[in-house]
PDB file of N, CA and C in Angstrom:
ATOM      1  N   MET A   1     116.216  91.349  82.289  1.00  0.00           N
ATOM      2  CA  MET A   1     115.521  92.613  82.377  1.00  0.00           C
ATOM      3  C   MET A   1     114.347  92.454  83.329  1.00  0.00           C
ATOM      4  N   ILE A   2     114.029  93.544  84.020  1.00  0.00           N
ATOM      5  CA  ILE A   2     112.823  93.598  84.843  1.00  0.00           C
ATOM      6  C   ILE A   2     111.828  94.480  84.098  1.00  0.00           C
ATOM      7  N   GLU A   3     110.615  93.977  83.933  1.00  0.00           N
ATOM      8  CA  GLU A   3     109.597  94.722  83.196  1.00  0.00           C
ATOM      9  C   GLU A   3     108.318  94.833  84.023  1.00  0.00           C
ATOM     10  N   ALA A   4     107.726  96.013  83.984  1.00  0.00           N
ATOM     11  CA  ALA A   4     106.435  96.252  84.629  1.00  0.00           C
ATOM     12  C   ALA A   4     105.380  96.340  83.532  1.00  0.00           C
ATOM     13  N   VAL A   5     104.281  95.611  83.708  1.00  0.00           N
ATOM     14  CA  VAL A   5     103.193  95.616  82.721  1.00  0.00           C
ATOM     15  C   VAL A   5     101.854  95.742  83.440  1.00  0.00           C
ATOM     16  N   TRP A   6     100.951  96.458  82.803  1.00  0.00           N
ATOM     17  CA  TRP A   6      99.609  96.638  83.343  1.00  0.00           C
ATOM     18  C   TRP A   6      98.749  95.410  83.084  1.00  0.00           C
ATOM     19  N   ASP A   7      97.838  95.172  84.015  1.00  0.00           N
ATOM     20  CA  ASP A   7      96.791  94.179  83.845  1.00  0.00           C
ATOM     21  C   ASP A   7      95.614  94.669  84.671  1.00  0.00           C
ATOM     22  N   GLY A   8      94.492  94.016  84.558  1.00  0.00           N
ATOM     23  CA  GLY A   8      93.334  94.436  85.322  1.00  0.00           C
ATOM     24  C   GLY A   8      92.242  93.400  85.256  1.00  0.00           C
ATOM     25  N   ASP A   9      91.344  93.503  86.206  1.00  0.00           N
ATOM     26  CA  ASP A   9      90.168  92.635  86.213  1.00  0.00           C
ATOM     27  C   ASP A   9      89.055  93.336  86.960  1.00  0.00           C
ATOM     28  N   THR A  10      87.901  92.700  87.018  1.00  0.00           N
ATOM     29  CA  THR A  10      86.744  93.327  87.651  1.00  0.00           C
ATOM     30  C   THR A  10      86.829  93.325  89.172  1.00  0.00           C
ATOM     31  N   VAL A  11      87.672  92.502  89.741  1.00  0.00           N
ATOM     32  CA  VAL A  11      87.812  92.443  91.202  1.00  0.00           C
ATOM     33  C   VAL A  11      88.805  93.483  91.707  1.00  0.00           C
ATOM     34  N   HIS A  12      89.965  93.577  91.058  1.00  0.00           N
ATOM     35  CA  HIS A  12      91.055  94.425  91.544  1.00  0.00           C
ATOM     36  C   HIS A  12      91.235  95.724  90.776  1.00  0.00           C
ATOM     37  N   ASP A  13      90.451  95.939  89.718  1.00  0.00           N
ATOM     38  CA  ASP A  13      90.644  97.095  88.858  1.00  0.00           C
ATOM     39  C   ASP A  13      92.030  96.972  88.196  1.00  0.00           C
ATOM     40  N   TRP A  14      92.754  98.058  88.021  1.00  0.00           N
ATOM     41  CA  TRP A  14      94.078  98.017  87.407  1.00  0.00           C
ATOM     42  C   TRP A  14      95.136  97.636  88.428  1.00  0.00           C
ATOM     43  N   PHE A  15      96.125  96.861  87.983  1.00  0.00           N
ATOM     44  CA  PHE A  15      97.278  96.522  88.809  1.00  0.00           C
ATOM     45  C   PHE A  15      98.483  96.334  87.898  1.00  0.00           C
ATOM     46  N   VAL A  16      99.674  96.264  88.484  1.00  0.00           N
ATOM     47  CA  VAL A  16     100.906  96.135  87.708  1.00  0.00           C
ATOM     48  C   VAL A  16     101.593  94.828  88.078  1.00  0.00           C
ATOM     49  N   GLU A  17     102.027  94.105  87.066  1.00  0.00           N
ATOM     50  CA  GLU A  17     102.795  92.871  87.250  1.00  0.00           C
ATOM     51  C   GLU A  17     104.270  93.205  87.050  1.00  0.00           C
ATOM     52  N   LEU A  18     105.121  92.752  87.969  1.00  0.00           N
ATOM     53  CA  LEU A  18     106.564  92.855  87.778  1.00  0.00           C
ATOM     54  C   LEU A  18     107.056  91.504  87.289  1.00  0.00           C
ATOM     55  N   LEU A  19     107.799  91.529  86.183  1.00  0.00           N
ATOM     56  CA  LEU A  19     108.266  90.304  85.548  1.00  0.00           C
ATOM     57  C   LEU A  19     109.774  90.348  85.345  1.00  0.00           C
ATOM     58  N   ALA A  20     110.402  89.193  85.444  1.00  0.00           N
ATOM     59  CA  ALA A  20     111.778  89.038  84.990  1.00  0.00           C
ATOM     60  C   ALA A  20     111.675  88.466  83.586  1.00  0.00           C
ATOM     61  N   VAL A  21     112.256  89.146  82.626  1.00  0.00           N
ATOM     62  CA  VAL A  21     112.214  88.692  81.235  1.00  0.00           C
ATOM     63  C   VAL A  21     113.588  88.123  80.907  1.00  0.00           C
ATOM     64  N   THR A  22     113.625  86.841  80.603  1.00  0.00           N
ATOM     65  CA  THR A  22     114.896  86.182  80.316  1.00  0.00           C
ATOM     66  C   THR A  22     115.033  85.925  78.813  1.00  0.00           C
ATOM     67  N   ALA A  23     116.275  85.890  78.358  1.00  0.00           N
ATOM     68  CA  ALA A  23     116.548  85.675  76.937  1.00  0.00           C
ATOM     69  C   ALA A  23     116.747  84.207  76.605  1.00  0.00           C
ATOM     70  N   ASP A  24     117.349  83.463  77.504  1.00  0.00           N
ATOM     71  CA  ASP A  24     117.650  82.059  77.204  1.00  0.00           C
ATOM     72  C   ASP A  24     117.459  81.218  78.457  1.00  0.00           C
ATOM     73  N   PRO A  25     116.310  80.597  78.609  1.00  0.00           N
ATOM     74  CA  PRO A  25     115.204  80.503  77.657  1.00  0.00           C
ATOM     75  C   PRO A  25     114.385  81.791  77.644  1.00  0.00           C
ATOM     76  N   ALA A  26     113.754  82.061  76.520  1.00  0.00           N
ATOM     77  CA  ALA A  26     112.929  83.257  76.369  1.00  0.00           C
ATOM     78  C   ALA A  26     111.617  83.049  77.109  1.00  0.00           C
ATOM     79  N   GLU A  27     111.505  83.704  78.264  1.00  0.00           N
ATOM     80  CA  GLU A  27     110.269  83.574  79.038  1.00  0.00           C
ATOM     81  C   GLU A  27     110.112  84.742  79.995  1.00  0.00           C
ATOM     82  N   ASP A  28     108.896  84.882  80.500  1.00  0.00           N
ATOM     83  CA  ASP A  28     108.580  85.852  81.544  1.00  0.00           C
ATOM     84  C   ASP A  28     108.411  85.084  82.845  1.00  0.00           C
ATOM     85  N   VAL A  29     109.074  85.556  83.887  1.00  0.00           N
ATOM     86  CA  VAL A  29     108.937  84.943  85.201  1.00  0.00           C
ATOM     87  C   VAL A  29     108.249  85.959  86.105  1.00  0.00           C
ATOM     88  N   HIS A  30     107.081  85.591  86.633  1.00  0.00           N
ATOM     89  CA  HIS A  30     106.313  86.488  87.499  1.00  0.00           C
ATOM     90  C   HIS A  30     107.063  86.699  88.814  1.00  0.00           C
ATOM     91  N   LEU A  31     107.266  87.959  89.176  1.00  0.00           N
ATOM     92  CA  LEU A  31     107.936  88.303  90.429  1.00  0.00           C
ATOM     93  C   LEU A  31     106.961  88.819  91.477  1.00  0.00           C
ATOM     94  N   ALA A  32     106.043  89.682  91.050  1.00  0.00           N
ATOM     95  CA  ALA A  32     105.115  90.282  92.008  1.00  0.00           C
ATOM     96  C   ALA A  32     103.939  90.912  91.274  1.00  0.00           C
ATOM     97  N   THR A  33     102.834  91.051  92.006  1.00  0.00           N
ATOM     98  CA  THR A  33     101.673  91.790  91.529  1.00  0.00           C
ATOM     99  C   THR A  33     101.466  92.950  92.488  1.00  0.00           C
ATOM    100  N   VAL A  34     101.375  94.157  91.939  1.00  0.00           N
ATOM    101  CA  VAL A  34     101.213  95.353  92.768  1.00  0.00           C
ATOM    102  C   VAL A  34      99.787  95.873  92.590  1.00  0.00           C
ATOM    103  N   PHE A  35      98.953  95.594  93.583  1.00  0.00           N
ATOM    104  CA  PHE A  35      97.571  96.066  93.591  1.00  0.00           C
ATOM    105  C   PHE A  35      97.517  97.464  94.201  1.00  0.00           C
ATOM    106  N   ARG A  36      96.451  98.195  93.920  1.00  0.00           N
ATOM    107  CA  ARG A  36      96.292  99.560  94.445  1.00  0.00           C
ATOM    108  C   ARG A  36      96.417  99.588  95.971  1.00  0.00           C
ATOM    109  N   SER A  37      95.752  98.664  96.662  1.00  0.00           N
ATOM    110  CA  SER A  37      95.787  98.675  98.132  1.00  0.00           C
ATOM    111  C   SER A  37      97.199  98.436  98.668  1.00  0.00           C
ATOM    112  N   THR A  38      97.928  97.522  98.042  1.00  0.00           N
ATOM    113  CA  THR A  38      99.308  97.255  98.453  1.00  0.00           C
ATOM    114  C   THR A  38     100.176  98.473  98.184  1.00  0.00           C
ATOM    115  N   ALA A  39      99.983  99.079  97.028  1.00  0.00           N
ATOM    116  CA  ALA A  39     100.758 100.260  96.663  1.00  0.00           C
ATOM    117  C   ALA A  39     100.504 101.404  97.638  1.00  0.00           C
ATOM    118  N   ALA A  40      99.251 101.612  98.018  1.00  0.00           N
ATOM    119  CA  ALA A  40      98.918 102.690  98.957  1.00  0.00           C
ATOM    120  C   ALA A  40      99.607 102.475 100.298  1.00  0.00           C
ATOM    121  N   ARG A  41      99.635 101.230 100.772  1.00  0.00           N
ATOM    122  CA  ARG A  41     100.344 100.952 102.033  1.00  0.00           C
ATOM    123  C   ARG A  41     101.844 101.187 101.885  1.00  0.00           C
ATOM    124  N   TYR A  42     102.413 100.755 100.764  1.00  0.00           N
ATOM    125  CA  TYR A  42     103.841 100.918 100.508  1.00  0.00           C
ATOM    126  C   TYR A  42     104.219 102.393 100.437  1.00  0.00           C
ATOM    127  N   LEU A  43     103.398 103.180  99.766  1.00  0.00           N
ATOM    128  CA  LEU A  43     103.691 104.597  99.612  1.00  0.00           C
ATOM    129  C   LEU A  43     103.414 105.386 100.886  1.00  0.00           C
ATOM    130  N   GLY A  44     102.581 104.845 101.755  1.00  0.00           N
ATOM    131  CA  GLY A  44     102.301 105.473 103.045  1.00  0.00           C
ATOM    132  C   GLY A  44     101.745 106.863 102.916  1.00  0.00           C
ATOM    133  N   GLU A  45     102.242 107.730 103.745  1.00  0.00           N
ATOM    134  CA  GLU A  45     101.744 109.105 103.819  1.00  0.00           C
ATOM    135  C   GLU A  45     102.269 109.988 102.693  1.00  0.00           C
ATOM    136  N   GLU A  46     103.173 109.466 101.866  1.00  0.00           N
ATOM    137  CA  GLU A  46     103.755 110.294 100.804  1.00  0.00           C
ATOM    138  C   GLU A  46     102.679 110.939  99.953  1.00  0.00           C
ATOM    139  N   GLY A  47     101.835 110.109  99.377  1.00  0.00           N
ATOM    140  CA  GLY A  47     100.742 110.630  98.575  1.00  0.00           C
ATOM    141  C   GLY A  47     101.188 111.508  97.414  1.00  0.00           C
ATOM    142  N   ASP A  48     102.472 111.426  97.023  1.00  0.00           N
ATOM    143  CA  ASP A  48     102.972 112.286  95.959  1.00  0.00           C
ATOM    144  C   ASP A  48     102.839 111.633  94.582  1.00  0.00           C
ATOM    145  N   HIS A  49     102.036 110.593  94.487  1.00  0.00           N
ATOM    146  CA  HIS A  49     101.915 109.866  93.238  1.00  0.00           C
ATOM    147  C   HIS A  49     100.939 110.504  92.267  1.00  0.00           C
ATOM    148  N   HIS A  50     100.114 111.439  92.728  1.00  0.00           N
ATOM    149  CA  HIS A  50      99.097 112.036  91.863  1.00  0.00           C
ATOM    150  C   HIS A  50      99.747 112.787  90.731  1.00  0.00           C
ATOM    151  N   PRO A  51      99.283 112.713  89.508  1.00  0.00           N
ATOM    152  CA  PRO A  51      98.083 112.041  89.065  1.00  0.00           C
ATOM    153  C   PRO A  51      98.308 110.573  88.681  1.00  0.00           C
ATOM    154  N   ARG A  52      99.492 110.053  88.902  1.00  0.00           N
ATOM    155  CA  ARG A  52      99.778 108.672  88.500  1.00  0.00           C
ATOM    156  C   ARG A  52      99.087 107.673  89.421  1.00  0.00           C
ATOM    157  N   HIS A  53      98.770 106.533  88.864  1.00  0.00           N
ATOM    158  CA  HIS A  53      98.153 105.437  89.614  1.00  0.00           C
ATOM    159  C   HIS A  53      99.157 104.952  90.666  1.00  0.00           C
ATOM    160  N   PRO A  54      98.735 104.754  91.917  1.00  0.00           N
ATOM    161  CA  PRO A  54      99.670 104.331  92.955  1.00  0.00           C
ATOM    162  C   PRO A  54     100.367 103.002  92.642  1.00  0.00           C
ATOM    163  N   SER A  55      99.689 102.099  91.938  1.00  0.00           N
ATOM    164  CA  SER A  55     100.327 100.838  91.565  1.00  0.00           C
ATOM    165  C   SER A  55     101.517 101.073  90.645  1.00  0.00           C
ATOM    166  N   ALA A  56     101.393 102.052  89.755  1.00  0.00           N
ATOM    167  CA  ALA A  56     102.490 102.362  88.837  1.00  0.00           C
ATOM    168  C   ALA A  56     103.683 102.932  89.588  1.00  0.00           C
ATOM    169  N   VAL A  57     103.429 103.833  90.527  1.00  0.00           N
ATOM    170  CA  VAL A  57     104.510 104.458  91.288  1.00  0.00           C
ATOM    171  C   VAL A  57     105.247 103.406  92.113  1.00  0.00           C
ATOM    172  N   ALA A  58     104.506 102.574  92.829  1.00  0.00           N
ATOM    173  CA  ALA A  58     105.127 101.553  93.678  1.00  0.00           C
ATOM    174  C   ALA A  58     105.873 100.514  92.845  1.00  0.00           C
ATOM    175  N   ALA A  59     105.269 100.067  91.748  1.00  0.00           N
ATOM    176  CA  ALA A  59     105.918  99.060  90.904  1.00  0.00           C
ATOM    177  C   ALA A  59     107.179  99.623  90.254  1.00  0.00           C
ATOM    178  N   GLU A  60     107.128 100.868  89.844  1.00  0.00           N
ATOM    179  CA  GLU A  60     108.313 101.473  89.230  1.00  0.00           C
ATOM    180  C   GLU A  60     109.454 101.593  90.234  1.00  0.00           C
ATOM    181  N   ARG A  61     109.163 102.016  91.443  1.00  0.00           N
ATOM    182  CA  ARG A  61     110.207 102.121  92.473  1.00  0.00           C
ATOM    183  C   ARG A  61     110.821 100.759  92.793  1.00  0.00           C
ATOM    184  N   ALA A  62     109.961  99.770  93.017  1.00  0.00           N
ATOM    185  CA  ALA A  62     110.446  98.432  93.344  1.00  0.00           C
ATOM    186  C   ALA A  62     111.185  97.812  92.162  1.00  0.00           C
ATOM    187  N   GLY A  63     110.641  97.967  90.963  1.00  0.00           N
ATOM    188  CA  GLY A  63     111.259  97.402  89.767  1.00  0.00           C
ATOM    189  C   GLY A  63     112.613  98.015  89.477  1.00  0.00           C
ATOM    190  N   ARG A  64     112.717  99.335  89.603  1.00  0.00           N
ATOM    191  CA  ARG A  64     114.005 100.009  89.377  1.00  0.00           C
ATOM    192  C   ARG A  64     115.039  99.579  90.416  1.00  0.00           C
ATOM    193  N   ALA A  65     114.611  99.467  91.657  1.00  0.00           N
ATOM    194  CA  ALA A  65     115.547  99.048  92.716  1.00  0.00           C
ATOM    195  C   ALA A  65     116.042  97.628  92.467  1.00  0.00           C
ATOM    196  N   LEU A  66     115.138  96.727  92.109  1.00  0.00           N
ATOM    197  CA  LEU A  66     115.539  95.353  91.838  1.00  0.00           C
ATOM    198  C   LEU A  66     116.451  95.281  90.620  1.00  0.00           C
ATOM    199  N   ALA A  67     116.102  95.994  89.557  1.00  0.00           N
ATOM    200  CA  ALA A  67     116.927  95.998  88.352  1.00  0.00           C
ATOM    201  C   ALA A  67     118.322  96.539  88.651  1.00  0.00           C
ATOM    202  N   ALA A  68     118.407  97.605  89.441  1.00  0.00           N
ATOM    203  CA  ALA A  68     119.717  98.157  89.806  1.00  0.00           C
ATOM    204  C   ALA A  68     120.520  97.142  90.619  1.00  0.00           C
ATOM    205  N   HIS A  69     119.869  96.476  91.550  1.00  0.00           N
ATOM    206  CA  HIS A  69     120.542  95.468  92.371  1.00  0.00           C
ATOM    207  C   HIS A  69     121.086  94.325  91.513  1.00  0.00           C
ATOM    208  N   LEU A  70     120.339  93.949  90.474  1.00  0.00           N
ATOM    209  CA  LEU A  70     120.746  92.848  89.599  1.00  0.00           C
ATOM    210  C   LEU A  70     121.592  93.312  88.414  1.00  0.00           C
ATOM    211  N   SER A  71     121.776  94.613  88.275  1.00  0.00           N
ATOM    212  CA  SER A  71     122.512  95.204  87.143  1.00  0.00           C
ATOM    213  C   SER A  71     121.904  94.814  85.797  1.00  0.00           C
ATOM    214  N   VAL A  72     120.576  94.932  85.721  1.00  0.00           N
ATOM    215  CA  VAL A  72     119.848  94.670  84.478  1.00  0.00           C
ATOM    216  C   VAL A  72     118.955  95.876  84.178  1.00  0.00           C
ATOM    217  N   PRO A  73     118.501  96.026  82.944  1.00  0.00           N
ATOM    218  CA  PRO A  73     117.617  97.142  82.608  1.00  0.00           C
ATOM    219  C   PRO A  73     116.227  96.985  83.241  1.00  0.00           C
ATOM    220  N   PHE A  74     115.565  98.125  83.409  1.00  0.00           N
ATOM    221  CA  PHE A  74     114.171  98.154  83.851  1.00  0.00           C
ATOM    222  C   PHE A  74     113.357  98.805  82.743  1.00  0.00           C
ATOM    223  N   ARG A  75     112.157  98.280  82.499  1.00  0.00           N
ATOM    224  CA  ARG A  75     111.286  98.841  81.462  1.00  0.00           C
ATOM    225  C   ARG A  75     109.846  98.864  81.957  1.00  0.00           C
ATOM    226  N   PHE A  76     109.173  99.984  81.713  1.00  0.00           N
ATOM    227  CA  PHE A  76     107.759 100.134  82.008  1.00  0.00           C
ATOM    228  C   PHE A  76     107.196 100.983  80.870  1.00  0.00           C
ATOM    229  N   ALA A  77     106.551 100.348  79.910  1.00  0.00           N
ATOM    230  CA  ALA A  77     106.133 101.013  78.677  1.00  0.00           C
ATOM    231  C   ALA A  77     105.059 102.080  78.881  1.00  0.00           C
ATOM    232  N   SER A  78     104.266 101.964  79.932  1.00  0.00           N
ATOM    233  CA  SER A  78     103.175 102.926  80.121  1.00  0.00           C
ATOM    234  C   SER A  78     103.033 103.293  81.604  1.00  0.00           C
ATOM    235  N   PRO A  79     104.017 103.974  82.176  1.00  0.00           N
ATOM    236  CA  PRO A  79     103.960 104.267  83.606  1.00  0.00           C
ATOM    237  C   PRO A  79     102.944 105.344  83.999  1.00  0.00           C
ATOM    238  N   ASP A  80     102.512 106.148  83.046  1.00  0.00           N
ATOM    239  CA  ASP A  80     101.642 107.273  83.385  1.00  0.00           C
ATOM    240  C   ASP A  80     100.149 106.988  83.288  1.00  0.00           C
ATOM    241  N   ARG A  81      99.789 105.895  82.612  1.00  0.00           N
ATOM    242  CA  ARG A  81      98.370 105.554  82.520  1.00  0.00           C
ATOM    243  C   ARG A  81      98.226 104.055  82.279  1.00  0.00           C
ATOM    244  N   PRO A  82      97.209 103.441  82.862  1.00  0.00           N
ATOM    245  CA  PRO A  82      96.984 102.010  82.642  1.00  0.00           C
ATOM    246  C   PRO A  82      96.773 101.699  81.165  1.00  0.00           C
ATOM    247  N   ASP A  83      97.527 100.732  80.661  1.00  0.00           N
ATOM    248  CA  ASP A  83      97.421 100.323  79.262  1.00  0.00           C
ATOM    249  C   ASP A  83      97.902  98.881  79.150  1.00  0.00           C
ATOM    250  N   ASP A  84      96.943  97.961  79.122  1.00  0.00           N
ATOM    251  CA  ASP A  84      97.332  96.548  79.065  1.00  0.00           C
ATOM    252  C   ASP A  84      97.684  96.092  77.642  1.00  0.00           C
ATOM    253  N   GLU A  85      97.706  97.049  76.713  1.00  0.00           N
ATOM    254  CA  GLU A  85      98.137  96.736  75.351  1.00  0.00           C
ATOM    255  C   GLU A  85      99.411  97.481  74.973  1.00  0.00           C
ATOM    256  N   ALA A  86     100.085  98.054  75.958  1.00  0.00           N
ATOM    257  CA  ALA A  86     101.350  98.748  75.701  1.00  0.00           C
ATOM    258  C   ALA A  86     102.363  97.738  75.161  1.00  0.00           C
ATOM    259  N   PRO A  87     103.244  98.174  74.269  1.00  0.00           N
ATOM    260  CA  PRO A  87     104.211  97.227  73.690  1.00  0.00           C
ATOM    261  C   PRO A  87     105.120  96.611  74.749  1.00  0.00           C
ATOM    262  N   ARG A  88     105.328  95.324  74.623  1.00  0.00           N
ATOM    263  CA  ARG A  88     106.194  94.579  75.533  1.00  0.00           C
ATOM    264  C   ARG A  88     107.594  94.491  74.960  1.00  0.00           C
ATOM    265  N   TRP A  89     108.559  94.253  75.821  1.00  0.00           N
ATOM    266  CA  TRP A  89     109.927  94.013  75.381  1.00  0.00           C
ATOM    267  C   TRP A  89     110.086  92.511  75.193  1.00  0.00           C
ATOM    268  N   HIS A  90     110.687  92.129  74.093  1.00  0.00           N
ATOM    269  CA  HIS A  90     110.935  90.714  73.833  1.00  0.00           C
ATOM    270  C   HIS A  90     112.380  90.501  73.443  1.00  0.00           C
ATOM    271  N   PRO A  91     113.022  89.486  74.008  1.00  0.00           N
ATOM    272  CA  PRO A  91     114.430  89.235  73.677  1.00  0.00           C
ATOM    273  C   PRO A  91     114.596  88.779  72.233  1.00  0.00           C
TER     274      PRO A  91
END
């Protein structure tokens, strides 16, 4: 499964981590970090992400595309607002 989860810090504000969640062994493998600045460049002139955070829009698009390519599910528990305590998926 590919999962998007929120995280944040004082330097980057909110950002989204894309993870591969494996069942055997049960672990999270970091794939990418989507920061606001990276997301804004990726989305370009579209600007259609409002009111959603640009990191969420970019991470969801990339995560869904990767999951479809790998024929695995995609999950993003809180795509509409930053929430680093949103429930995670566990195998």
